[in-house]
Amino acid sequence: MLYLIKIAYTLLFPPGIIILLLISIALWLQQKKEYLGTLLVGLAALLLCVCSMPYFGNAFLNSIERRYTPPEQVTGDVIVMLTGGATLDTPDPLTKGEGYLTGNTAARVLTIAELYRSTKLPILISGGQVFTDSGNESQISKRHLIALGIPEASIFLDDTSRNTEENALHTQALLTTNGWQHPILVTSAFHMARSVKQFQKLKVDVLPYPTDYISQGKQALSISKFVPSSSGLSNTSIALKEYLGLLAAKN
């Protein structure tokens, strides 16, 4: 009973409620003998339903997250982290500042903090303020790293990049300026393939170190895996964005 209640609860919120609404409209159009409208609305409902299924979203995202795996041995002369979002004016009393990292960026920061402790390599953070109402991602990341005990002198910033292409371009300039030749690239697993491609376009050889995995490697089949949910749709959207970005990076 609890299982059924959770499924029903999921369907009461987007995208479930939208799918039910589309199905209702399709049935109404069918009664009106509007067969073309019925077909189009029905296809829209089916597409949204499939894209929102956790099983499909996880499998789609997993297909790009597993392209790279963290290396068993880390060798390089600098740790490069690409940021992935930050808020502008949210309170952060622990580091005595404003603005906070999104979950993706926070996971990357934790990874480079752990890598620093084991390698003592310098850290280069790439990512600026993308929107007028978002925070400067590199500067906020630096604040958190210092709070974690990493010396400020070991942290270098590219705090102007607004997308992955600029991340690679500006990072390349800083690598050349500082004489670094073997960067260890840290970013979320779903973002790694596109990031590596952008660096390859600039002939920068990086050691991929993916982190912040979202998808499951092995899925246990259950009814809930096929019930449309916001998390399923989110995974599909992330994967689709990365595949489109990867396609654009190849051109």
Protein backbone atom coordinates (compact mmCIF):
# COMPACT_ATOMS: atom_id res chain seq x y z
CA MET A 1 0.00 0.00 0.00
CA LEU A 2 2.83 2.41 0.87
CA TYR A 3 4.44 1.63 -2.47
CA LEU A 4 1.22 2.43 -4.35
CA ILE A 5 0.75 5.65 -2.39
CA LYS A 6 4.24 6.81 -3.38
CA ILE A 7 3.52 6.09 -7.05
CA ALA A 8 0.20 7.98 -6.91
CA TYR A 9 1.92 10.84 -5.08
CA THR A 10 4.52 11.09 -7.85
CA LEU A 11 1.83 11.32 -10.52
CA LEU A 12 0.23 14.31 -8.79
CA PHE A 13 3.24 16.50 -9.56
CA PRO A 14 4.97 17.45 -12.83
CA PRO A 15 5.68 15.79 -15.12
CA GLY A 16 3.13 13.13 -14.07
CA ILE A 17 0.20 15.52 -13.79
CA ILE A 18 1.08 17.06 -17.18
CA ILE A 19 1.13 13.63 -18.81
CA LEU A 20 -2.30 12.84 -17.34
CA LEU A 21 -3.57 16.19 -18.61
CA LEU A 22 -2.26 15.50 -22.11
CA ILE A 23 -3.90 12.09 -22.11
CA SER A 24 -7.19 13.68 -21.05
CA ILE A 25 -6.92 16.22 -23.88
CA ALA A 26 -6.14 13.45 -26.37
CA LEU A 27 -9.22 11.49 -25.27
CA TRP A 28 -11.36 14.62 -25.54
CA LEU A 29 -10.02 15.34 -29.06
CA GLN A 30 -10.76 11.76 -30.06
CA GLN A 31 -14.39 12.17 -28.99
CA LYS A 32 -14.50 15.31 -31.14
CA LYS A 33 -13.10 13.23 -34.03
CA GLU A 34 -10.03 15.49 -34.18
CA TYR A 35 -7.76 12.62 -35.11
CA LEU A 36 -4.68 14.66 -36.07
CA GLY A 37 -4.86 16.58 -32.81
CA THR A 38 -5.35 13.31 -30.93
CA LEU A 39 -2.25 11.86 -32.59
CA LEU A 40 -0.05 14.90 -31.89
CA VAL A 41 -1.12 15.28 -28.27
CA GLY A 42 -0.84 11.53 -27.73
CA LEU A 43 2.69 11.51 -29.14
CA ALA A 44 3.61 14.44 -26.90
CA ALA A 45 2.29 12.57 -23.87
CA LEU A 46 4.18 9.41 -24.87
CA LEU A 47 7.44 11.29 -25.44
CA LEU A 48 7.19 13.11 -22.12
CA CYS A 49 6.29 9.86 -20.37
CA VAL A 50 9.31 7.97 -21.74
CA CYS A 51 11.73 10.85 -21.09
CA SER A 52 10.46 11.09 -17.51
CA MET A 53 10.84 7.40 -16.68
CA PRO A 54 13.68 6.97 -14.15
CA TYR A 55 14.81 3.81 -15.94
CA PHE A 56 15.21 5.59 -19.28
CA GLY A 57 16.73 8.74 -17.76
CA ASN A 58 19.27 6.75 -15.76
CA ALA A 59 20.26 4.59 -18.74
CA PHE A 60 20.60 7.62 -21.01
CA LEU A 61 22.71 9.53 -18.48
CA ASN A 62 24.75 6.44 -17.64
CA SER A 63 25.75 6.12 -21.29
CA ILE A 64 27.72 9.37 -21.10
CA GLU A 65 28.82 9.26 -17.47
CA ARG A 66 30.69 5.96 -17.94
CA ARG A 67 32.85 7.14 -20.82
CA TYR A 68 35.63 7.92 -18.36
CA THR A 69 36.52 6.44 -14.98
CA PRO A 70 38.76 7.89 -12.27
CA PRO A 71 42.36 6.73 -12.79
CA GLU A 72 43.88 4.38 -10.22
CA GLN A 73 47.08 6.43 -10.20
CA VAL A 74 46.99 10.20 -10.46
CA THR A 75 49.93 11.80 -12.25
CA GLY A 76 50.17 15.42 -13.32
CA ASP A 77 51.46 18.84 -12.34
CA VAL A 78 48.20 20.75 -11.71
CA ILE A 79 44.60 19.95 -10.75
CA VAL A 80 42.09 21.73 -13.00
CA MET A 81 38.48 21.95 -11.84
CA LEU A 82 35.63 23.23 -13.98
CA THR A 83 32.80 24.76 -11.98
CA GLY A 84 29.10 24.05 -12.43
CA GLY A 85 27.02 26.76 -10.83
CA ALA A 86 26.68 28.98 -7.76
CA THR A 87 24.08 31.25 -6.21
CA LEU A 88 24.69 34.97 -5.85
CA ASP A 89 23.48 36.26 -2.50
CA THR A 90 22.54 33.26 -0.36
CA PRO A 91 24.06 33.32 3.15
CA ASP A 92 27.15 31.26 3.93
CA PRO A 93 28.06 32.00 7.55
CA LEU A 94 30.65 29.23 7.86
CA THR A 95 32.96 30.83 5.27
CA LYS A 96 31.79 34.36 6.10
CA GLY A 97 30.64 35.21 2.61
CA GLU A 98 27.66 35.34 0.30
CA GLY A 99 26.76 32.93 -2.45
CA TYR A 100 26.80 29.16 -2.32
CA LEU A 101 27.86 26.36 -4.62
CA THR A 102 25.38 24.14 -6.43
CA GLY A 103 25.52 20.44 -5.64
CA ASN A 104 27.55 19.69 -8.78
CA THR A 105 30.20 22.29 -8.00
CA ALA A 106 30.34 21.34 -4.32
CA ALA A 107 31.01 17.71 -5.24
CA ARG A 108 33.84 18.79 -7.53
CA VAL A 109 35.32 21.01 -4.80
CA LEU A 110 35.30 18.09 -2.38
CA THR A 111 37.10 15.93 -4.94
CA ILE A 112 39.90 18.42 -5.61
CA ALA A 113 40.31 18.99 -1.87
CA GLU A 114 40.88 15.23 -1.48
CA LEU A 115 43.23 15.18 -4.47
CA TYR A 116 45.20 18.10 -3.06
CA ARG A 117 45.73 16.31 0.24
CA SER A 118 47.18 13.27 -1.55
CA THR A 119 49.20 15.11 -4.23
CA LYS A 120 49.89 18.64 -2.94
CA LEU A 121 49.56 19.83 -6.53
CA PRO A 122 48.44 23.40 -7.31
CA ILE A 123 44.74 23.88 -8.05
CA LEU A 124 43.34 25.83 -10.99
CA ILE A 125 39.61 26.59 -10.82
CA SER A 126 37.86 27.67 -14.01
CA GLY A 127 34.41 29.29 -14.02
CA GLY A 128 33.04 32.79 -13.58
CA GLN A 129 29.70 34.51 -13.17
CA VAL A 130 27.48 33.11 -15.90
CA PHE A 131 24.34 35.19 -15.25
CA THR A 132 23.71 38.52 -13.56
CA ASP A 133 21.81 36.75 -10.78
CA SER A 134 24.30 33.92 -10.23
CA GLY A 135 27.51 33.88 -8.19
CA ASN A 136 31.12 33.90 -9.32
CA GLU A 137 31.78 30.18 -9.21
CA SER A 138 35.58 30.23 -8.97
CA GLN A 139 35.71 32.81 -6.22
CA ILE A 140 33.12 30.99 -4.10
CA SER A 141 34.88 27.67 -4.70
CA LYS A 142 38.17 29.22 -3.57
CA ARG A 143 36.51 30.46 -0.39
CA HIS A 144 35.38 26.95 0.44
CA LEU A 145 38.74 25.40 -0.34
CA ILE A 146 40.46 27.82 2.00
CA ALA A 147 37.88 26.93 4.67
CA LEU A 148 38.84 23.28 4.12
CA GLY A 149 42.44 24.11 4.95
CA ILE A 150 44.00 24.43 1.50
CA PRO A 151 46.58 27.25 1.32
CA GLU A 152 45.47 30.26 -0.71
CA ALA A 153 48.85 30.31 -2.46
CA SER A 154 48.04 26.90 -4.00
CA ILE A 155 44.80 28.11 -5.61
CA PHE A 156 44.71 29.80 -9.02
CA LEU A 157 41.59 31.18 -10.68
CA ASP A 158 40.05 31.70 -14.07
CA ASP A 159 37.01 33.59 -12.81
CA THR A 160 35.73 34.88 -16.17
CA SER A 161 34.71 31.75 -18.12
CA ARG A 162 30.99 31.36 -18.81
CA ASN A 163 30.85 28.02 -20.62
CA THR A 164 32.92 24.91 -21.29
CA GLU A 165 34.52 26.33 -24.43
CA GLU A 166 35.78 29.36 -22.49
CA ASN A 167 36.87 27.06 -19.64
CA ALA A 168 39.22 25.25 -22.01
CA LEU A 169 40.47 28.40 -23.74
CA HIS A 170 41.20 30.36 -20.57
CA THR A 171 42.66 27.33 -18.81
CA GLN A 172 45.03 26.75 -21.71
CA ALA A 173 46.34 30.31 -21.32
CA LEU A 174 46.96 29.82 -17.60
CA LEU A 175 48.64 26.46 -18.17
CA THR A 176 51.05 28.10 -20.59
CA THR A 177 51.71 31.07 -18.30
CA ASN A 178 52.54 28.83 -15.33
CA GLY A 179 54.42 26.17 -17.29
CA TRP A 180 51.99 23.36 -16.45
CA GLN A 181 51.92 20.58 -19.05
CA HIS A 182 50.05 17.67 -17.46
CA PRO A 183 46.68 18.86 -16.09
CA ILE A 184 44.37 16.56 -14.15
CA LEU A 185 40.85 17.52 -15.22
CA VAL A 186 38.11 17.32 -12.58
CA THR A 187 34.45 17.81 -13.42
CA SER A 188 31.15 15.96 -13.05
CA ALA A 189 31.05 12.60 -14.83
CA PHE A 190 28.20 13.72 -17.10
CA HIS A 191 30.24 16.78 -18.13
CA MET A 192 33.58 15.04 -18.69
CA ALA A 193 33.18 13.88 -22.31
CA ARG A 194 32.29 17.37 -23.53
CA SER A 195 35.05 18.94 -21.45
CA VAL A 196 37.73 16.59 -22.77
CA LYS A 197 36.60 17.30 -26.33
CA GLN A 198 37.00 21.06 -25.82
CA PHE A 199 40.53 20.60 -24.49
CA GLN A 200 41.38 18.22 -27.33
CA LYS A 201 40.36 20.90 -29.82
CA LEU A 202 43.08 23.10 -28.27
CA LYS A 203 45.55 20.19 -28.27
CA VAL A 204 45.67 20.14 -24.47
CA ASP A 205 46.20 16.61 -23.15
CA VAL A 206 44.30 16.16 -19.88
CA LEU A 207 43.97 13.29 -17.43
CA PRO A 208 40.20 12.91 -16.89
CA TYR A 209 39.15 12.53 -13.25
CA PRO A 210 35.33 12.36 -13.27
CA THR A 211 33.36 12.83 -10.08
CA ASP A 212 29.81 13.65 -8.97
CA TYR A 213 28.19 10.58 -10.56
CA ILE A 214 24.40 10.77 -10.78
CA SER A 215 23.33 7.63 -12.62
CA GLN A 216 23.40 4.08 -11.30
CA GLY A 217 25.61 1.56 -13.04
CA LYS A 218 23.16 -1.28 -12.46
CA GLN A 219 19.45 -0.72 -12.13
CA ALA A 220 17.16 -3.00 -10.18
CA LEU A 221 13.89 -3.36 -12.09
CA SER A 222 10.78 -2.21 -10.25
CA ILE A 223 7.50 -0.53 -11.06
CA SER A 224 8.76 2.82 -9.76
CA LYS A 225 11.50 2.84 -12.42
CA PHE A 226 8.78 3.25 -15.05
CA VAL A 227 6.64 5.83 -13.27
CA PRO A 228 7.32 9.33 -14.70
CA SER A 229 9.12 11.58 -12.24
CA SER A 230 10.94 14.90 -12.15
CA SER A 231 14.22 13.14 -11.35
CA GLY A 232 13.86 10.91 -14.41
CA LEU A 233 13.18 13.92 -16.62
CA SER A 234 16.11 15.78 -15.06
CA ASN A 235 18.52 12.94 -15.90
CA THR A 236 17.24 12.81 -19.47
CA SER A 237 17.64 16.58 -19.82
CA ILE A 238 21.22 16.53 -18.49
CA ALA A 239 22.21 13.71 -20.85
CA LEU A 240 20.55 15.36 -23.83
CA LYS A 241 22.32 18.66 -23.11
CA GLU A 242 25.69 16.91 -22.91
CA TYR A 243 25.17 14.97 -26.12
CA LEU A 244 24.16 18.13 -27.98
CA GLY A 245 27.15 19.97 -26.48
CA LEU A 246 29.45 17.11 -27.48
CA LEU A 247 28.09 17.26 -31.01
CA ALA A 248 28.66 21.02 -31.16
CA ALA A 249 32.21 20.63 -29.79
CA LYS A 250 33.12 18.30 -32.66
CA ASN A 251 32.38 21.02 -35.21
